[in-house]
């Protein structure tokens, strides 16, 4: 697919600069609903991270930690996560 710029754009006439300004403004202001969603996501992520720390001795590998994190999130109703957990070498924690 070719890269589209304002010079080769053949669609409806759009003021790209004004559109960009409007999009930027929308990213700055969040509604109470959006804030509550972020807070809920933080609570679920914190729960999953605490569960990993509580169970770290029994978890044997990074994929197992990842699966545990996702299991906690899904069991709490969050089927998709914004990121996967970043796990360093578990051997460091099992000495």
C-alpha atoms as a PDB file:
ATOM      1  CA  UNK A   1       0.000   0.000   0.000  1.00  0.00           C
ATOM      2  CA  UNK A   2       1.522   3.370  -0.955  1.00  0.00           C
ATOM      3  CA  UNK A   3       2.215   5.982   1.718  1.00  0.00           C
ATOM      4  CA  UNK A   4      -0.487   8.652   1.615  1.00  0.00           C
ATOM      5  CA  UNK A   5       0.491  12.274   2.152  1.00  0.00           C
ATOM      6  CA  UNK A   6      -1.446  15.496   1.791  1.00  0.00           C
ATOM      7  CA  UNK A   7       0.190  15.909  -1.636  1.00  0.00           C
ATOM      8  CA  UNK A   8      -1.029  12.593  -3.114  1.00  0.00           C
ATOM      9  CA  UNK A   9      -4.308  12.220  -1.174  1.00  0.00           C
ATOM     10  CA  UNK A  10      -7.217  11.838  -3.614  1.00  0.00           C
ATOM     11  CA  UNK A  11     -10.141  11.533  -1.193  1.00  0.00           C
ATOM     12  CA  UNK A  12     -12.512  14.232   0.072  1.00  0.00           C
ATOM     13  CA  UNK A  13     -11.009  17.626   0.760  1.00  0.00           C
ATOM     14  CA  UNK A  14      -9.873  17.504   4.397  1.00  0.00           C
ATOM     15  CA  UNK A  15      -8.031  20.151   6.347  1.00  0.00           C
ATOM     16  CA  UNK A  16      -5.416  17.775   7.760  1.00  0.00           C
ATOM     17  CA  UNK A  17      -3.889  20.360  10.098  1.00  0.00           C
ATOM     18  CA  UNK A  18      -7.264  21.159  11.726  1.00  0.00           C
ATOM     19  CA  UNK A  19      -8.080  17.462  11.946  1.00  0.00           C
ATOM     20  CA  UNK A  20      -4.737  16.770  13.631  1.00  0.00           C
ATOM     21  CA  UNK A  21      -5.360  19.585  16.123  1.00  0.00           C
ATOM     22  CA  UNK A  22      -8.800  18.170  16.948  1.00  0.00           C
ATOM     23  CA  UNK A  23      -7.385  14.661  17.430  1.00  0.00           C
ATOM     24  CA  UNK A  24      -4.611  15.989  19.661  1.00  0.00           C
ATOM     25  CA  UNK A  25      -7.161  17.866  21.793  1.00  0.00           C
ATOM     26  CA  UNK A  26      -9.250  14.692  22.199  1.00  0.00           C
ATOM     27  CA  UNK A  27      -6.212  12.803  23.466  1.00  0.00           C
ATOM     28  CA  UNK A  28      -5.631  15.368  26.227  1.00  0.00           C
ATOM     29  CA  UNK A  29      -9.113  15.443  27.739  1.00  0.00           C
ATOM     30  CA  UNK A  30     -10.522  12.232  29.175  1.00  0.00           C
ATOM     31  CA  UNK A  31     -14.070  11.727  30.328  1.00  0.00           C
ATOM     32  CA  UNK A  32     -14.923  10.366  33.770  1.00  0.00           C
ATOM     33  CA  UNK A  33     -15.825   7.080  32.063  1.00  0.00           C
ATOM     34  CA  UNK A  34     -12.377   6.837  30.439  1.00  0.00           C
ATOM     35  CA  UNK A  35     -10.711   7.616  33.760  1.00  0.00           C
ATOM     36  CA  UNK A  36     -12.757   4.910  35.490  1.00  0.00           C
ATOM     37  CA  UNK A  37     -11.732   2.395  32.809  1.00  0.00           C
ATOM     38  CA  UNK A  38      -8.058   3.243  33.334  1.00  0.00           C
ATOM     39  CA  UNK A  39      -8.458   2.883  37.104  1.00  0.00           C
ATOM     40  CA  UNK A  40     -10.160  -0.495  36.670  1.00  0.00           C
ATOM     41  CA  UNK A  41      -7.358  -1.668  34.350  1.00  0.00           C
ATOM     42  CA  UNK A  42      -4.757  -0.598  36.924  1.00  0.00           C
ATOM     43  CA  UNK A  43      -6.597  -2.526  39.655  1.00  0.00           C
ATOM     44  CA  UNK A  44      -6.675  -5.697  37.536  1.00  0.00           C
ATOM     45  CA  UNK A  45      -3.039  -5.356  36.520  1.00  0.00           C
ATOM     46  CA  UNK A  46      -2.022  -4.797  40.146  1.00  0.00           C
ATOM     47  CA  UNK A  47      -3.973  -7.889  41.205  1.00  0.00           C
ATOM     48  CA  UNK A  48      -2.254  -9.982  38.523  1.00  0.00           C
ATOM     49  CA  UNK A  49       1.205  -8.679  39.442  1.00  0.00           C
ATOM     50  CA  UNK A  50       0.623  -9.311  43.166  1.00  0.00           C
ATOM     51  CA  UNK A  51      -0.553 -12.835  42.374  1.00  0.00           C
ATOM     52  CA  UNK A  52       2.634 -13.477  40.394  1.00  0.00           C
ATOM     53  CA  UNK A  53       4.765 -12.276  43.315  1.00  0.00           C
ATOM     54  CA  UNK A  54       2.787 -14.430  45.750  1.00  0.00           C
ATOM     55  CA  UNK A  55       3.225 -17.509  43.509  1.00  0.00           C
ATOM     56  CA  UNK A  56       6.719 -16.834  42.163  1.00  0.00           C
ATOM     57  CA  UNK A  57       8.265 -19.859  43.912  1.00  0.00           C
ATOM     58  CA  UNK A  58       5.916 -22.287  42.157  1.00  0.00           C
ATOM     59  CA  UNK A  59       6.127 -20.660  38.713  1.00  0.00           C
ATOM     60  CA  UNK A  60       8.833 -22.398  36.698  1.00  0.00           C
ATOM     61  CA  UNK A  61       9.335 -20.285  33.581  1.00  0.00           C
ATOM     62  CA  UNK A  62       8.620 -16.935  31.976  1.00  0.00           C
ATOM     63  CA  UNK A  63       5.851 -18.420  29.780  1.00  0.00           C
ATOM     64  CA  UNK A  64       4.237 -19.789  32.944  1.00  0.00           C
ATOM     65  CA  UNK A  65       4.379 -16.340  34.560  1.00  0.00           C
ATOM     66  CA  UNK A  66       2.870 -14.844  31.390  1.00  0.00           C
ATOM     67  CA  UNK A  67       0.084 -17.443  31.427  1.00  0.00           C
ATOM     68  CA  UNK A  68      -0.602 -16.768  35.108  1.00  0.00           C
ATOM     69  CA  UNK A  69      -0.845 -13.018  34.458  1.00  0.00           C
ATOM     70  CA  UNK A  70      -3.259 -13.535  31.553  1.00  0.00           C
ATOM     71  CA  UNK A  71      -5.274 -16.090  33.560  1.00  0.00           C
ATOM     72  CA  UNK A  72      -5.824 -13.588  36.374  1.00  0.00           C
ATOM     73  CA  UNK A  73      -6.813 -10.828  33.940  1.00  0.00           C
ATOM     74  CA  UNK A  74      -9.244 -13.020  32.000  1.00  0.00           C
ATOM     75  CA  UNK A  75     -10.776 -14.444  35.180  1.00  0.00           C
ATOM     76  CA  UNK A  76     -11.530 -10.847  36.220  1.00  0.00           C
ATOM     77  CA  UNK A  77     -13.232 -10.054  32.896  1.00  0.00           C
ATOM     78  CA  UNK A  78     -10.316  -8.503  30.999  1.00  0.00           C
ATOM     79  CA  UNK A  79     -10.001 -10.699  27.933  1.00  0.00           C
ATOM     80  CA  UNK A  80      -7.382  -8.491  26.272  1.00  0.00           C
ATOM     81  CA  UNK A  81      -4.442  -6.767  27.861  1.00  0.00           C
ATOM     82  CA  UNK A  82      -2.679  -3.642  26.636  1.00  0.00           C
ATOM     83  CA  UNK A  83       0.670  -5.350  27.138  1.00  0.00           C
ATOM     84  CA  UNK A  84       2.196  -8.659  28.077  1.00  0.00           C
ATOM     85  CA  UNK A  85       4.027  -8.875  31.365  1.00  0.00           C
ATOM     86  CA  UNK A  86       7.754  -8.277  31.095  1.00  0.00           C
ATOM     87  CA  UNK A  87       9.493 -11.060  32.984  1.00  0.00           C
ATOM     88  CA  UNK A  88      13.195 -11.105  33.648  1.00  0.00           C
ATOM     89  CA  UNK A  89      15.141 -14.234  34.453  1.00  0.00           C
ATOM     90  CA  UNK A  90      13.205 -16.024  37.199  1.00  0.00           C
ATOM     91  CA  UNK A  91      16.373 -17.727  38.406  1.00  0.00           C
ATOM     92  CA  UNK A  92      17.380 -14.432  40.012  1.00  0.00           C
ATOM     93  CA  UNK A  93      14.380 -14.639  42.336  1.00  0.00           C
ATOM     94  CA  UNK A  94      14.747 -18.304  43.260  1.00  0.00           C
ATOM     95  CA  UNK A  95      18.201 -18.254  44.846  1.00  0.00           C
END
